[in-house]
Amino acid sequence: MTNGPRVQAIGYIRSALVRRADAPKQGHEGAPAAWLELEPAFAAGARDLRVGDELLLFTWLHESERDVLEVHPRDDMRQALRGVFSTRSPDRPNPIGLHPVTVVEVAGATRFRVEPIEAIDGTPVIDIKPVLDCSR
């Protein structure tokens, strides 16, 4: 492994959501559960994940436009244009998705059912981090 500016998929989302247009804007807006399927080479990194764990999934929003710097928030043309870095738009120079999810099922060393997640089927997962309790 190198320390250079290279990002690789560690797994993929397997979801009933297959079209970007069908996905809610945020997970808490009615997104379904989906499977996080890790590549076998990364199974050891997920060995301690359990049902009930709260995670942050980082994805590469592979269908996003990468040349967008201004958007109408939530695709609402009635709203004024805003700089993309002040929005959660998936269209941006580096389309990294951030998804707070809960593990609801573990099926072997590389399959984790998580919810809610608005990512569409086939979305590459680039990292997983636990949600930390910052109150302690």
N, C-alpha and C. Protein backbone atom coordinates (compact mmCIF):
# COMPACT_ATOMS: atom_id res chain seq x y z
N MET A 1 0.84 -1.18 0.00
CA MET A 1 0.00 0.00 0.00
C MET A 1 0.89 1.24 0.00
N THR A 2 0.42 2.26 -0.69
CA THR A 2 1.17 3.51 -0.74
C THR A 2 0.44 4.59 0.01
N ASN A 3 1.14 5.65 0.32
CA ASN A 3 0.54 6.80 0.99
C ASN A 3 0.17 7.90 0.02
N GLY A 4 0.23 7.64 -1.27
CA GLY A 4 -0.09 8.65 -2.28
C GLY A 4 -1.58 8.94 -2.35
N PRO A 5 -1.95 9.91 -3.18
CA PRO A 5 -3.36 10.33 -3.28
C PRO A 5 -4.19 9.38 -4.12
N ARG A 6 -4.34 8.16 -3.65
CA ARG A 6 -5.08 7.13 -4.39
C ARG A 6 -6.23 6.66 -3.50
N VAL A 7 -7.40 6.59 -4.07
CA VAL A 7 -8.57 6.09 -3.36
C VAL A 7 -9.02 4.82 -4.06
N GLN A 8 -9.33 3.79 -3.29
CA GLN A 8 -9.81 2.56 -3.89
C GLN A 8 -11.05 2.10 -3.17
N ALA A 9 -11.90 1.42 -3.88
CA ALA A 9 -13.11 0.86 -3.28
C ALA A 9 -12.72 -0.30 -2.37
N ILE A 10 -13.31 -0.30 -1.17
CA ILE A 10 -13.13 -1.44 -0.27
C ILE A 10 -14.35 -2.36 -0.32
N GLY A 11 -15.39 -1.88 -0.98
CA GLY A 11 -16.62 -2.65 -1.12
C GLY A 11 -17.64 -1.86 -1.92
N TYR A 12 -18.86 -2.38 -1.93
CA TYR A 12 -19.93 -1.77 -2.72
C TYR A 12 -21.25 -1.86 -1.97
N ILE A 13 -22.13 -0.93 -2.25
CA ILE A 13 -23.49 -0.96 -1.71
C ILE A 13 -24.35 -1.79 -2.66
N ARG A 14 -25.14 -2.69 -2.09
CA ARG A 14 -26.12 -3.48 -2.86
C ARG A 14 -27.49 -3.08 -2.33
N SER A 15 -28.22 -2.34 -3.16
CA SER A 15 -29.46 -1.71 -2.74
C SER A 15 -30.58 -1.93 -3.74
N ALA A 16 -31.81 -1.81 -3.25
CA ALA A 16 -32.98 -1.82 -4.14
C ALA A 16 -33.07 -0.52 -4.92
N LEU A 17 -32.36 0.51 -4.48
CA LEU A 17 -32.33 1.78 -5.21
C LEU A 17 -31.35 1.64 -6.37
N VAL A 18 -31.86 1.70 -7.58
CA VAL A 18 -30.98 1.50 -8.73
C VAL A 18 -30.79 2.75 -9.58
N ARG A 19 -31.65 3.72 -9.39
CA ARG A 19 -31.52 4.97 -10.15
C ARG A 19 -31.33 6.13 -9.18
N ARG A 20 -30.44 7.01 -9.51
CA ARG A 20 -30.18 8.18 -8.67
C ARG A 20 -31.46 8.97 -8.41
N ALA A 21 -32.32 9.06 -9.41
CA ALA A 21 -33.56 9.82 -9.28
C ALA A 21 -34.50 9.23 -8.23
N ASP A 22 -34.36 7.94 -7.93
CA ASP A 22 -35.24 7.27 -6.96
C ASP A 22 -34.74 7.38 -5.53
N ALA A 23 -33.52 7.83 -5.34
CA ALA A 23 -32.93 7.87 -4.00
C ALA A 23 -33.35 9.15 -3.27
N PRO A 24 -33.68 9.03 -1.99
CA PRO A 24 -33.95 10.24 -1.22
C PRO A 24 -32.68 11.08 -1.10
N LYS A 25 -32.85 12.36 -0.80
CA LYS A 25 -31.68 13.25 -0.69
C LYS A 25 -30.80 12.90 0.50
N GLN A 26 -31.42 12.43 1.58
CA GLN A 26 -30.70 12.04 2.79
C GLN A 26 -31.27 10.70 3.27
N GLY A 27 -30.47 9.94 3.98
CA GLY A 27 -30.90 8.64 4.46
C GLY A 27 -32.12 8.70 5.35
N HIS A 28 -32.19 9.71 6.22
CA HIS A 28 -33.30 9.81 7.17
C HIS A 28 -34.62 10.21 6.49
N GLU A 29 -34.61 10.43 5.19
CA GLU A 29 -35.81 10.82 4.46
C GLU A 29 -36.44 9.61 3.75
N GLY A 30 -36.37 8.45 4.37
CA GLY A 30 -37.04 7.28 3.83
C GLY A 30 -36.15 6.31 3.07
N ALA A 31 -34.85 6.39 3.25
CA ALA A 31 -33.96 5.45 2.56
C ALA A 31 -34.10 4.05 3.15
N PRO A 32 -33.98 3.04 2.30
CA PRO A 32 -34.11 1.66 2.78
C PRO A 32 -32.81 1.14 3.39
N ALA A 33 -32.89 -0.04 3.95
CA ALA A 33 -31.68 -0.77 4.33
C ALA A 33 -31.04 -1.29 3.05
N ALA A 34 -29.75 -1.55 3.11
CA ALA A 34 -29.03 -2.10 1.97
C ALA A 34 -27.85 -2.90 2.51
N TRP A 35 -27.24 -3.67 1.63
CA TRP A 35 -26.07 -4.45 2.02
C TRP A 35 -24.80 -3.70 1.68
N LEU A 36 -23.89 -3.68 2.63
CA LEU A 36 -22.52 -3.26 2.39
C LEU A 36 -21.74 -4.55 2.18
N GLU A 37 -21.21 -4.73 0.98
CA GLU A 37 -20.44 -5.93 0.66
C GLU A 37 -18.99 -5.52 0.48
N LEU A 38 -18.15 -5.96 1.43
CA LEU A 38 -16.73 -5.66 1.37
C LEU A 38 -16.00 -6.61 0.45
N GLU A 39 -14.94 -6.12 -0.16
CA GLU A 39 -14.05 -6.99 -0.90
C GLU A 39 -13.38 -7.92 0.12
N PRO A 40 -13.18 -9.19 -0.20
CA PRO A 40 -12.59 -10.13 0.76
C PRO A 40 -11.26 -9.67 1.35
N ALA A 41 -10.47 -8.94 0.59
CA ALA A 41 -9.17 -8.48 1.09
C ALA A 41 -9.29 -7.55 2.30
N PHE A 42 -10.49 -7.00 2.54
CA PHE A 42 -10.68 -6.05 3.64
C PHE A 42 -11.47 -6.64 4.80
N ALA A 43 -11.73 -7.93 4.77
CA ALA A 43 -12.53 -8.58 5.82
C ALA A 43 -11.94 -8.40 7.21
N ALA A 44 -10.64 -8.49 7.35
CA ALA A 44 -10.01 -8.35 8.68
C ALA A 44 -10.29 -6.97 9.28
N GLY A 45 -10.41 -5.97 8.45
CA GLY A 45 -10.68 -4.62 8.93
C GLY A 45 -12.08 -4.45 9.50
N ALA A 46 -12.98 -5.36 9.15
CA ALA A 46 -14.37 -5.28 9.61
C ALA A 46 -14.69 -6.34 10.65
N ARG A 47 -13.70 -7.04 11.15
CA ARG A 47 -13.95 -8.19 12.02
C ARG A 47 -14.67 -7.84 13.31
N ASP A 48 -14.61 -6.59 13.76
CA ASP A 48 -15.23 -6.21 15.02
C ASP A 48 -16.58 -5.51 14.86
N LEU A 49 -17.08 -5.40 13.64
CA LEU A 49 -18.38 -4.76 13.43
C LEU A 49 -19.48 -5.70 13.91
N ARG A 50 -20.46 -5.12 14.61
CA ARG A 50 -21.55 -5.90 15.20
C ARG A 50 -22.89 -5.24 14.94
N VAL A 51 -23.96 -6.03 15.03
CA VAL A 51 -25.31 -5.48 14.94
C VAL A 51 -25.45 -4.40 16.02
N GLY A 52 -26.03 -3.28 15.63
CA GLY A 52 -26.22 -2.15 16.53
C GLY A 52 -25.14 -1.09 16.43
N ASP A 53 -24.00 -1.42 15.81
CA ASP A 53 -22.95 -0.42 15.66
C ASP A 53 -23.42 0.72 14.78
N GLU A 54 -23.08 1.92 15.19
CA GLU A 54 -23.34 3.11 14.38
C GLU A 54 -22.05 3.46 13.64
N LEU A 55 -22.19 3.60 12.33
CA LEU A 55 -21.03 3.83 11.48
C LEU A 55 -21.22 5.04 10.59
N LEU A 56 -20.11 5.56 10.12
CA LEU A 56 -20.11 6.53 9.03
C LEU A 56 -19.51 5.81 7.84
N LEU A 57 -20.31 5.67 6.78
CA LEU A 57 -19.80 5.10 5.53
C LEU A 57 -19.42 6.24 4.61
N PHE A 58 -18.26 6.13 4.02
CA PHE A 58 -17.81 7.09 3.03
C PHE A 58 -17.87 6.40 1.68
N THR A 59 -18.56 7.01 0.75
CA THR A 59 -18.73 6.40 -0.57
C THR A 59 -18.19 7.34 -1.65
N TRP A 60 -17.97 6.77 -2.82
CA TRP A 60 -17.63 7.55 -4.00
C TRP A 60 -18.89 7.60 -4.84
N LEU A 61 -19.47 8.78 -4.96
CA LEU A 61 -20.74 8.95 -5.67
C LEU A 61 -20.47 8.93 -7.17
N HIS A 62 -20.36 7.73 -7.69
CA HIS A 62 -19.85 7.45 -9.03
C HIS A 62 -20.68 8.00 -10.17
N GLU A 63 -21.92 8.38 -9.94
CA GLU A 63 -22.74 8.96 -11.01
C GLU A 63 -22.79 10.48 -10.94
N SER A 64 -22.02 11.07 -10.07
CA SER A 64 -22.05 12.51 -9.88
C SER A 64 -21.26 13.26 -10.95
N GLU A 65 -21.67 14.48 -11.17
CA GLU A 65 -20.94 15.39 -12.05
C GLU A 65 -19.81 16.00 -11.23
N ARG A 66 -18.60 16.05 -11.79
CA ARG A 66 -17.45 16.52 -11.04
C ARG A 66 -17.03 17.93 -11.37
N ASP A 67 -17.75 18.58 -12.28
CA ASP A 67 -17.38 19.95 -12.67
C ASP A 67 -18.35 20.99 -12.12
N VAL A 68 -19.13 20.63 -11.12
CA VAL A 68 -20.16 21.51 -10.56
C VAL A 68 -19.60 22.27 -9.38
N LEU A 69 -19.76 23.60 -9.39
CA LEU A 69 -19.33 24.44 -8.27
C LEU A 69 -20.47 25.22 -7.64
N GLU A 70 -21.62 25.29 -8.34
CA GLU A 70 -22.79 25.98 -7.80
C GLU A 70 -24.03 25.14 -8.07
N VAL A 71 -24.94 25.12 -7.10
CA VAL A 71 -26.17 24.34 -7.25
C VAL A 71 -27.34 25.09 -6.63
N HIS A 72 -28.52 24.70 -7.06
CA HIS A 72 -29.74 25.11 -6.38
C HIS A 72 -29.97 24.04 -5.30
N PRO A 73 -29.92 24.40 -4.00
CA PRO A 73 -30.06 23.38 -2.95
C PRO A 73 -31.27 22.48 -3.17
N ARG A 74 -31.05 21.18 -2.99
CA ARG A 74 -32.06 20.13 -3.12
C ARG A 74 -32.70 20.12 -4.51
N ASP A 75 -31.98 20.64 -5.51
CA ASP A 75 -32.46 20.71 -6.89
C ASP A 75 -33.73 21.53 -7.03
N ASP A 76 -33.93 22.45 -6.11
CA ASP A 76 -35.11 23.32 -6.11
C ASP A 76 -34.74 24.63 -6.79
N MET A 77 -35.20 24.78 -8.03
CA MET A 77 -34.84 25.95 -8.83
C MET A 77 -35.34 27.26 -8.24
N ARG A 78 -36.27 27.19 -7.28
CA ARG A 78 -36.74 28.42 -6.63
C ARG A 78 -35.72 28.95 -5.63
N GLN A 79 -34.80 28.11 -5.21
CA GLN A 79 -33.76 28.54 -4.28
C GLN A 79 -32.59 29.13 -5.06
N ALA A 80 -31.97 30.12 -4.45
CA ALA A 80 -30.83 30.79 -5.07
C ALA A 80 -29.65 29.82 -5.20
N LEU A 81 -28.84 30.06 -6.23
CA LEU A 81 -27.63 29.28 -6.39
C LEU A 81 -26.73 29.46 -5.17
N ARG A 82 -26.09 28.37 -4.78
CA ARG A 82 -25.14 28.40 -3.67
C ARG A 82 -23.88 27.67 -4.09
N GLY A 83 -22.78 28.03 -3.49
CA GLY A 83 -21.53 27.31 -3.72
C GLY A 83 -21.68 25.88 -3.22
N VAL A 84 -21.22 24.93 -3.99
CA VAL A 84 -21.44 23.51 -3.69
C VAL A 84 -20.87 23.10 -2.34
N PHE A 85 -19.83 23.77 -1.86
CA PHE A 85 -19.22 23.37 -0.59
C PHE A 85 -20.05 23.79 0.62
N SER A 86 -21.12 24.55 0.39
CA SER A 86 -22.04 24.89 1.49
C SER A 86 -23.32 24.07 1.39
N THR A 87 -23.29 23.01 0.59
CA THR A 87 -24.46 22.15 0.40
C THR A 87 -24.05 20.69 0.55
N ARG A 88 -25.05 19.80 0.54
CA ARG A 88 -24.79 18.36 0.56
C ARG A 88 -24.98 17.75 -0.83
N SER A 89 -24.90 18.56 -1.87
CA SER A 89 -25.07 18.07 -3.23
C SER A 89 -24.09 16.95 -3.54
N PRO A 90 -24.56 15.90 -4.24
CA PRO A 90 -23.64 14.84 -4.65
C PRO A 90 -22.74 15.28 -5.81
N ASP A 91 -23.15 16.32 -6.53
CA ASP A 91 -22.36 16.83 -7.65
C ASP A 91 -21.34 17.82 -7.11
N ARG A 92 -20.05 17.48 -7.24
CA ARG A 92 -18.97 18.30 -6.68
C ARG A 92 -17.65 17.76 -7.20
N PRO A 93 -16.55 18.53 -7.06
CA PRO A 93 -15.27 18.07 -7.62
C PRO A 93 -14.81 16.70 -7.14
N ASN A 94 -14.96 16.41 -5.87
CA ASN A 94 -14.63 15.09 -5.33
C ASN A 94 -15.89 14.55 -4.68
N PRO A 95 -16.67 13.75 -5.40
CA PRO A 95 -18.00 13.34 -4.93
C PRO A 95 -17.96 12.24 -3.85
N ILE A 96 -17.56 12.66 -2.66
CA ILE A 96 -17.51 11.74 -1.52
C ILE A 96 -18.84 11.83 -0.78
N GLY A 97 -19.48 10.68 -0.58
CA GLY A 97 -20.72 10.61 0.18
C GLY A 97 -20.43 10.26 1.63
N LEU A 98 -21.21 10.83 2.52
CA LEU A 98 -21.09 10.57 3.96
C LEU A 98 -22.45 10.08 4.43
N HIS A 99 -22.49 8.86 5.00
CA HIS A 99 -23.74 8.22 5.36
C HIS A 99 -23.70 7.69 6.79
N PRO A 100 -24.42 8.31 7.72
CA PRO A 100 -24.53 7.73 9.06
C PRO A 100 -25.52 6.56 9.01
N VAL A 101 -25.07 5.38 9.39
CA VAL A 101 -25.89 4.17 9.31
C VAL A 101 -25.74 3.36 10.59
N THR A 102 -26.65 2.39 10.74
CA THR A 102 -26.58 1.42 11.82
C THR A 102 -26.51 0.03 11.21
N VAL A 103 -25.66 -0.82 11.74
CA VAL A 103 -25.58 -2.22 11.29
C VAL A 103 -26.79 -2.96 11.86
N VAL A 104 -27.59 -3.56 10.98
CA VAL A 104 -28.79 -4.29 11.42
C VAL A 104 -28.66 -5.80 11.21
N GLU A 105 -27.65 -6.23 10.47
CA GLU A 105 -27.43 -7.66 10.26
C GLU A 105 -26.00 -7.88 9.81
N VAL A 106 -25.40 -8.95 10.27
CA VAL A 106 -24.06 -9.36 9.84
C VAL A 106 -24.20 -10.74 9.22
N ALA A 107 -23.73 -10.89 7.99
CA ALA A 107 -23.82 -12.17 7.28
C ALA A 107 -22.42 -12.55 6.80
N GLY A 108 -21.68 -13.19 7.66
CA GLY A 108 -20.32 -13.57 7.33
C GLY A 108 -19.34 -12.44 7.57
N ALA A 109 -18.15 -12.59 7.03
CA ALA A 109 -17.08 -11.64 7.30
C ALA A 109 -17.11 -10.40 6.42
N THR A 110 -17.92 -10.43 5.35
CA THR A 110 -17.85 -9.32 4.39
C THR A 110 -19.20 -8.71 4.03
N ARG A 111 -20.29 -9.16 4.66
CA ARG A 111 -21.62 -8.62 4.32
C ARG A 111 -22.29 -8.07 5.57
N PHE A 112 -22.70 -6.80 5.45
CA PHE A 112 -23.31 -6.08 6.56
C PHE A 112 -24.54 -5.34 6.05
N ARG A 113 -25.68 -5.63 6.64
CA ARG A 113 -26.90 -4.90 6.28
C ARG A 113 -26.92 -3.65 7.13
N VAL A 114 -27.07 -2.49 6.48
CA VAL A 114 -27.04 -1.20 7.16
C VAL A 114 -28.27 -0.40 6.78
N GLU A 115 -28.65 0.50 7.70
CA GLU A 115 -29.78 1.39 7.41
C GLU A 115 -29.65 2.67 8.20
N PRO A 116 -30.28 3.72 7.72
CA PRO A 116 -30.78 3.91 6.36
C PRO A 116 -29.63 4.37 5.47
N ILE A 117 -29.71 4.05 4.20
CA ILE A 117 -28.67 4.52 3.28
C ILE A 117 -29.29 4.84 1.93
N GLU A 118 -29.05 6.05 1.48
CA GLU A 118 -29.63 6.55 0.24
C GLU A 118 -28.74 6.29 -0.97
N ALA A 119 -27.62 5.62 -0.80
CA ALA A 119 -26.73 5.30 -1.92
C ALA A 119 -27.38 4.28 -2.83
N ILE A 120 -27.15 4.44 -4.12
CA ILE A 120 -27.74 3.52 -5.10
C ILE A 120 -26.89 2.25 -5.25
N ASP A 121 -27.51 1.24 -5.81
CA ASP A 121 -26.85 -0.04 -6.03
C ASP A 121 -25.56 0.15 -6.83
N GLY A 122 -24.50 -0.47 -6.35
CA GLY A 122 -23.21 -0.39 -7.04
C GLY A 122 -22.33 0.75 -6.59
N THR A 123 -22.78 1.57 -5.65
CA THR A 123 -21.97 2.68 -5.17
C THR A 123 -20.73 2.15 -4.45
N PRO A 124 -19.54 2.59 -4.87
CA PRO A 124 -18.33 2.15 -4.20
C PRO A 124 -18.22 2.73 -2.78
N VAL A 125 -17.83 1.89 -1.83
CA VAL A 125 -17.54 2.30 -0.47
C VAL A 125 -16.04 2.48 -0.37
N ILE A 126 -15.61 3.66 0.16
CA ILE A 126 -14.18 3.94 0.23
C ILE A 126 -13.63 3.92 1.65
N ASP A 127 -14.51 4.00 2.66
CA ASP A 127 -14.04 3.89 4.04
C ASP A 127 -15.22 3.70 4.98
N ILE A 128 -14.91 3.21 6.16
CA ILE A 128 -15.89 2.99 7.23
C ILE A 128 -15.25 3.49 8.51
N LYS A 129 -16.01 4.28 9.27
CA LYS A 129 -15.51 4.76 10.56
C LYS A 129 -16.63 4.62 11.58
N PRO A 130 -16.28 4.33 12.82
CA PRO A 130 -17.31 4.26 13.86
C PRO A 130 -17.76 5.66 14.26
N VAL A 131 -19.01 5.78 14.65
CA VAL A 131 -19.48 7.04 15.22
C VAL A 131 -18.96 7.09 16.65
N LEU A 132 -18.34 8.19 17.02
CA LEU A 132 -17.77 8.31 18.36
C LEU A 132 -18.72 9.07 19.26
N ASP A 133 -18.78 8.66 20.52
CA ASP A 133 -19.54 9.38 21.52
C ASP A 133 -18.64 10.47 22.07
N CYS A 134 -18.84 11.69 21.58
CA CYS A 134 -17.97 12.81 21.96
C CYS A 134 -18.33 13.40 23.32
N SER A 135 -19.34 12.86 23.98
CA SER A 135 -19.74 13.41 25.26
C SER A 135 -18.88 12.86 26.41
N ARG A 136 -18.05 11.87 26.11
CA ARG A 136 -17.21 11.28 27.17
C ARG A 136 -15.82 11.82 27.12
